[in-house]
Structure formats: C-alpha cells, structure tokens
Protein backbone atom coordinates (compact mmCIF):
# COMPACT_ATOMS: atom_id res chain seq x y z
CA MET A 1 38.62 89.53 134.13
CA LYS A 2 37.59 88.83 130.55
CA LEU A 3 39.58 91.88 129.34
CA ILE A 4 42.70 90.64 131.12
CA SER A 5 42.36 87.18 129.53
CA MET A 6 42.07 88.69 126.07
CA ALA A 7 45.22 90.83 126.66
CA VAL A 8 47.17 87.78 127.78
CA LEU A 9 46.00 85.86 124.70
CA ALA A 10 47.13 88.72 122.41
CA LEU A 11 50.57 88.77 123.97
CA ALA A 12 50.88 85.02 123.47
CA PHE A 13 50.13 85.44 119.75
CA VAL A 14 52.80 88.16 119.48
CA ALA A 15 55.37 85.99 121.23
CA ALA A 16 54.54 83.07 118.97
CA ASP A 17 54.86 85.31 115.94
CA VAL A 18 58.35 86.48 117.08
CA ARG A 19 59.54 82.90 117.67
CA GLY A 20 58.06 81.58 114.50
CA ALA A 21 58.61 82.33 110.83
CA PRO A 22 59.13 86.00 109.89
CA ARG A 23 55.98 87.90 109.08
CA SER A 24 55.57 88.98 105.49
CA ASP A 25 54.99 92.60 106.44
CA VAL A 26 58.32 92.94 108.35
CA PRO A 27 61.27 94.06 106.11
CA LEU A 28 64.20 91.64 106.02
CA PRO A 29 67.87 92.70 106.06
CA ARG A 30 69.68 92.73 102.71
CA PRO A 31 71.76 89.60 102.07
CA ARG A 32 75.49 89.94 102.71
CA PRO A 33 77.67 90.43 99.64
CA PRO A 34 78.90 87.09 98.32
CA GLU A 35 82.60 88.05 98.68
CA LEU A 36 82.17 88.31 102.46
CA HIS A 37 81.19 84.65 102.55
CA THR A 38 84.36 83.62 100.73
CA PRO A 39 87.16 82.86 103.20
CA LYS A 40 90.31 84.85 102.52
CA SER A 41 93.72 83.25 102.62
CA ALA A 42 95.75 84.05 105.71
CA PRO A 43 98.57 86.56 105.28
CA PRO A 44 102.03 85.04 104.83
CA GLU A 45 103.98 84.56 108.02
CA ASP A 46 107.34 86.28 108.57
CA GLY A 47 107.32 87.82 105.13
CA LYS A 48 107.05 84.47 103.38
CA GLY A 49 104.71 83.92 100.50
CA GLU A 50 104.17 85.14 96.97
CA ALA A 51 104.48 88.82 97.85
CA ALA A 52 107.78 88.31 99.66
CA GLU A 53 109.35 85.81 97.26
CA LYS A 54 111.67 87.55 94.83
CA PRO A 55 112.64 86.16 91.47
CA ALA A 56 116.27 85.32 90.80
CA GLY A 57 116.63 88.65 89.02
CA ASP A 58 115.52 91.61 91.12
CA GLU A 59 114.96 94.14 88.35
CA ALA A 60 113.69 96.77 90.77
CA CYS A 61 117.01 96.73 92.61
CA LEU A 62 118.98 97.05 89.38
CA ASP A 63 116.80 99.98 88.38
CA ARG A 64 117.52 101.68 91.70
CA LEU A 65 121.26 101.29 91.21
CA LYS A 66 120.97 102.90 87.78
CA ALA A 67 118.83 105.74 89.08
CA ALA A 68 121.32 106.41 91.89
CA GLY A 69 124.20 106.70 89.41
CA PHE A 70 126.05 103.53 90.45
CA SER A 71 128.54 102.08 87.97
CA PHE A 72 128.01 98.32 87.87
CA GLU A 73 127.43 95.30 85.67
CA PRO A 74 125.07 92.37 86.20
CA ALA A 75 127.26 89.37 86.97
CA THR A 76 127.17 85.61 86.74
CA GLN A 77 127.86 83.76 89.95
CA HIS A 78 130.94 81.57 90.04
CA ALA A 79 130.41 77.83 90.10
CA ALA A 80 130.65 76.63 93.70
CA ALA A 81 131.07 73.21 95.28
CA ASN A 82 128.60 74.13 98.02
CA PRO A 83 125.08 74.55 96.57
CA ALA A 84 124.18 76.81 99.50
CA CYS A 85 126.43 79.54 98.09
CA VAL A 86 123.81 81.45 96.12
CA ILE A 87 123.71 85.19 95.32
CA ASP A 88 120.38 86.89 94.70
CA THR A 89 120.86 89.17 91.68
CA PRO A 90 124.67 89.38 91.58
CA VAL A 91 126.36 92.55 90.35
CA LYS A 92 129.95 93.72 90.02
CA LEU A 93 130.18 97.14 91.64
CA ALA A 94 132.71 99.45 89.96
CA ALA A 95 131.98 102.94 91.34
CA VAL A 96 129.45 104.92 93.37
CA PRO A 97 128.65 108.64 93.37
CA VAL A 98 129.21 111.12 96.20
CA PRO A 99 125.97 113.16 96.34
CA SER A 100 127.55 116.01 98.31
CA GLN A 101 130.15 116.48 95.54
CA PRO A 102 128.35 116.63 92.17
CA GLY A 103 130.31 114.74 89.56
CA ALA A 104 132.56 113.00 92.10
CA SER A 105 132.63 109.23 92.46
CA ILE A 106 134.41 106.54 94.45
CA ARG A 107 136.02 103.70 92.49
CA LEU A 108 136.08 100.11 93.66
CA PRO A 109 139.12 98.71 91.78
CA GLU A 110 138.44 95.07 92.70
CA GLU A 111 134.85 95.41 91.46
CA PRO A 112 133.47 93.15 94.20
CA MET A 113 130.69 90.76 93.30
CA LEU A 114 127.75 91.43 95.60
CA ALA A 115 124.04 90.74 95.85
CA CYS A 116 122.27 93.75 94.40
CA ARG A 117 120.54 94.69 97.65
CA PHE A 118 123.84 94.65 99.51
CA ALA A 119 125.58 96.63 96.76
CA GLU A 120 122.85 99.24 97.13
CA ARG A 121 123.36 99.52 100.88
CA PHE A 122 127.16 99.52 100.67
CA GLY A 123 127.27 102.05 97.85
CA HIS A 124 125.05 104.54 99.66
CA PHE A 125 127.09 104.06 102.82
CA LEU A 126 130.30 104.92 100.98
CA GLY A 127 128.95 107.90 99.05
CA GLU A 128 126.66 109.41 101.65
CA LEU A 129 128.53 108.74 104.89
CA ALA A 130 132.07 107.34 104.70
CA ALA A 131 133.44 109.68 102.03
CA PRO A 132 132.01 112.93 103.49
CA LEU A 133 133.06 111.91 107.00
CA ILE A 134 136.67 111.23 105.97
CA ALA A 135 136.80 114.39 103.85
CA GLY A 136 135.54 116.42 106.80
CA ARG A 137 138.11 115.02 109.22
CA LEU A 138 141.16 114.88 106.95
CA ALA A 139 140.35 117.65 104.43
CA VAL A 140 140.95 115.28 101.52
CA GLU A 141 138.51 113.41 99.27
CA VAL A 142 138.17 109.65 99.00
CA LYS A 143 138.88 108.43 95.48
CA ALA A 144 138.75 104.65 95.86
CA VAL A 145 138.07 101.82 98.30
CA ARG A 146 139.94 98.52 98.45
CA THR A 147 137.47 95.73 99.09
CA GLY A 148 138.67 92.36 97.92
CA PRO A 149 136.38 90.14 95.82
CA GLY A 150 133.23 90.40 97.93
CA TYR A 151 131.66 87.04 97.13
CA GLU A 152 133.47 83.94 98.38
CA CYS A 153 131.90 80.54 98.88
CA ARG A 154 133.27 79.70 102.33
CA ASN A 155 132.43 79.37 106.00
CA ARG A 156 132.84 82.15 108.54
CA ASN A 157 136.48 83.07 109.20
CA ARG A 158 137.43 80.44 106.59
CA ALA A 159 136.81 77.67 109.10
CA ALA A 160 136.61 74.09 107.86
CA ASN A 161 133.23 73.64 109.55
CA GLY A 162 130.50 75.85 110.92
CA HIS A 163 128.14 78.48 109.61
CA LEU A 164 128.26 79.74 106.05
CA SER A 165 129.82 83.19 105.70
CA ALA A 166 127.76 86.16 104.53
CA HIS A 167 130.36 86.42 101.75
CA ALA A 168 128.96 83.16 100.35
CA LEU A 169 125.63 84.92 99.74
CA GLY A 170 127.07 88.15 98.37
CA LEU A 171 125.89 89.97 101.49
CA ALA A 172 129.29 91.04 102.85
CA VAL A 173 132.39 92.98 101.91
CA ASP A 174 135.80 93.52 103.52
CA VAL A 175 137.14 97.08 103.41
CA ALA A 176 140.94 97.11 103.65
CA ALA A 177 141.69 100.78 102.91
CA PHE A 178 140.43 104.08 101.54
CA GLU A 179 142.53 105.65 98.79
CA LEU A 180 142.69 109.44 99.06
CA ALA A 181 142.94 112.16 96.43
CA ASN A 182 146.42 113.17 97.70
CA GLY A 183 147.79 109.77 96.73
CA LYS A 184 147.92 108.41 100.27
CA ALA A 185 146.02 105.45 101.66
CA LEU A 186 143.95 105.34 104.82
CA PRO A 187 144.26 101.74 106.01
CA ILE A 188 141.81 100.04 108.31
CA LYS A 189 144.70 98.45 110.18
CA PRO A 190 146.17 100.94 112.69
CA ASP A 191 149.44 102.42 111.43
CA GLY A 192 150.29 104.99 114.07
CA ASP A 193 148.67 107.98 112.32
CA ALA A 194 146.38 109.34 115.05
CA ARG A 195 144.24 111.50 112.73
CA GLY A 196 143.79 108.70 110.23
CA GLU A 197 142.94 106.16 112.92
CA ALA A 198 140.36 108.52 114.39
CA ALA A 199 138.73 108.91 110.98
CA VAL A 200 138.59 105.14 110.50
CA ALA A 201 137.14 104.72 114.00
CA ALA A 202 134.41 107.25 113.19
CA VAL A 203 133.51 105.41 109.97
CA ARG A 204 133.48 102.11 111.82
CA THR A 205 131.15 103.43 114.52
CA ALA A 206 128.82 105.01 111.95
CA ALA A 207 128.66 101.71 110.04
CA CYS A 208 126.74 100.20 112.97
CA GLY A 209 123.69 102.13 111.79
CA TRP A 210 123.91 100.70 108.27
CA PHE A 211 124.93 97.06 108.71
CA THR A 212 124.14 94.25 111.12
CA THR A 213 127.71 93.00 111.53
CA ILE A 214 130.80 95.20 111.76
CA LEU A 215 134.09 93.54 112.65
CA GLY A 216 137.57 95.06 112.52
CA PRO A 217 140.95 95.22 114.23
CA GLY A 218 140.58 94.18 117.86
CA ALA A 219 137.43 92.14 117.28
CA ASP A 220 139.22 88.83 116.67
CA PRO A 221 142.36 87.49 114.96
CA ALA A 222 140.54 87.09 111.62
CA HIS A 223 139.87 90.84 111.25
CA THR A 224 143.18 92.49 112.15
CA ASP A 225 143.65 94.29 108.83
CA HIS A 226 140.18 94.98 107.43
CA MET A 227 136.63 95.96 108.34
CA HIS A 228 133.99 93.33 107.64
CA LEU A 229 130.49 94.59 106.84
CA ASP A 230 127.40 92.45 106.25
CA ILE A 231 123.61 92.56 106.53
CA LEU A 232 122.78 89.07 107.78
CA THR A 233 119.95 89.03 110.32
CA HIS A 234 120.89 87.86 113.79
CA GLY A 235 118.00 86.07 115.43
CA SER A 236 114.49 87.26 114.62
CA SER A 237 115.19 90.98 114.22
CA ASP A 238 117.45 93.07 111.99
CA ARG A 239 117.77 95.56 114.85
CA TYR A 240 120.34 93.41 116.65
CA ARG A 241 123.89 94.50 115.85
CA ILE A 242 127.34 93.02 116.25
CA CYS A 243 129.63 96.07 116.33
CA GLN A 244 133.17 95.09 117.27
C-alpha cells in the first residue's frame, strides 16, 4: 500500500510539472522568424493595385511593337469634351509585318490612333491571320487595310446618350476593306463576289478568337459597311464574345 501511495505521489509531481512552468532541462523550440509575425498585405482584388496599375506610358508595349516590326509613332490624344475619353499609351499605326512572307507588310493608310495594347492585338491579327487567310483563299496578297481613324470620342453607334464606345478609349477599329496586290479591293460590305464574300466571312469568324466584340453587315444598321473589332470586357470575364 505504501508503494502504491508513493507511485501516485510521483505521478502528481509529473503532472504538476507539465502544467507548470517549463523545466530548465527540457529544450524549447526555436523562436519563429520575425518576418512571420509581420502581417502581409492582402493581394489586390481583380487585378487592382500597384502591380496592375500601368503608368500613362506603357513602355513595355511600345518595345513589343518595335520588336515585332510594327511601323508606328507615339501619338498625342486629341482634346475631347468628354473627360472619359482617355487612351492608354496612344500610337498611330502605319504598317504591320506579315511573318509568313519575310519582308512583306500591310499598310494602314489612315494610320488609326489606337491604344498600344489594342494596336498590338490588331496588328498581329492582320499579319498572322487575316492576310494569310485571304491570300490562301484568293491567291493574292493583302497590301493595305482601310480602317478609318480608330479613336473617336463618342458613344456607341454615335448615339446621343448611352455607353461610351470602345473607340473613345482607343480599343476599337472599323475595317472597311482590304486592298489587294492586284489593285482590287475586298470590301467588308457584300458586293456579289461569292469568293470575296467567303474570304471576308472566314476572317470575320476567325476574329472571334482575337477580339471580344465583332460586328459587321447583318448585325445591326450601324455596321452595314464595315467590321467593328474591339477588346472591351463584357461582364466579369474576357471569355464572353459578341460575334455578329
């Protein structure tokens, strides 16, 4: 009985030692690094924040245009009555290369004023897809594209009220016709030439993989003679397309 009492007493001391202050002969864990105690700022939501904010001049985009062989000039945005009409890094696009035809290029006679990031997308679309596609279907090269001015400070479809047009941000262009090496024009507006219309239809369908909005003849009365292309985001995702 005495032995049992002593064992119980020993266990009580051990339990007290565990609940109490740490014993000096038991190694303690190393303290956590101080940086782990410092709360980190939450990541920016929806791409907003310092990392996502671009300066007025996107030099990286301009460098990419140069590296790709685009012919362009940095531009100054026109004065506009509506302060919401703002172009991020405006450029005047004069010509783009056709990678599949070394030395060949496509001129843009109107030199549309566009936001640099849209000029980059549009130029690659012309040189890498539209020109080779038309050349493959019609056996003639594209030499130029008629586009209009690009930037225009206005509402959609030139309405007096409503949403601002993508043209007002330099994020849209209207293609009216492709000028071919044989001196003929390939208009966006149907003209009765079945082969030409099929080529335009193929370009228009392919554009749905490059842009978020594609409108042309048959879409509405405002687009009977040209193909509108822009990269505005519809809703919360850039995967949604308006292809009409």
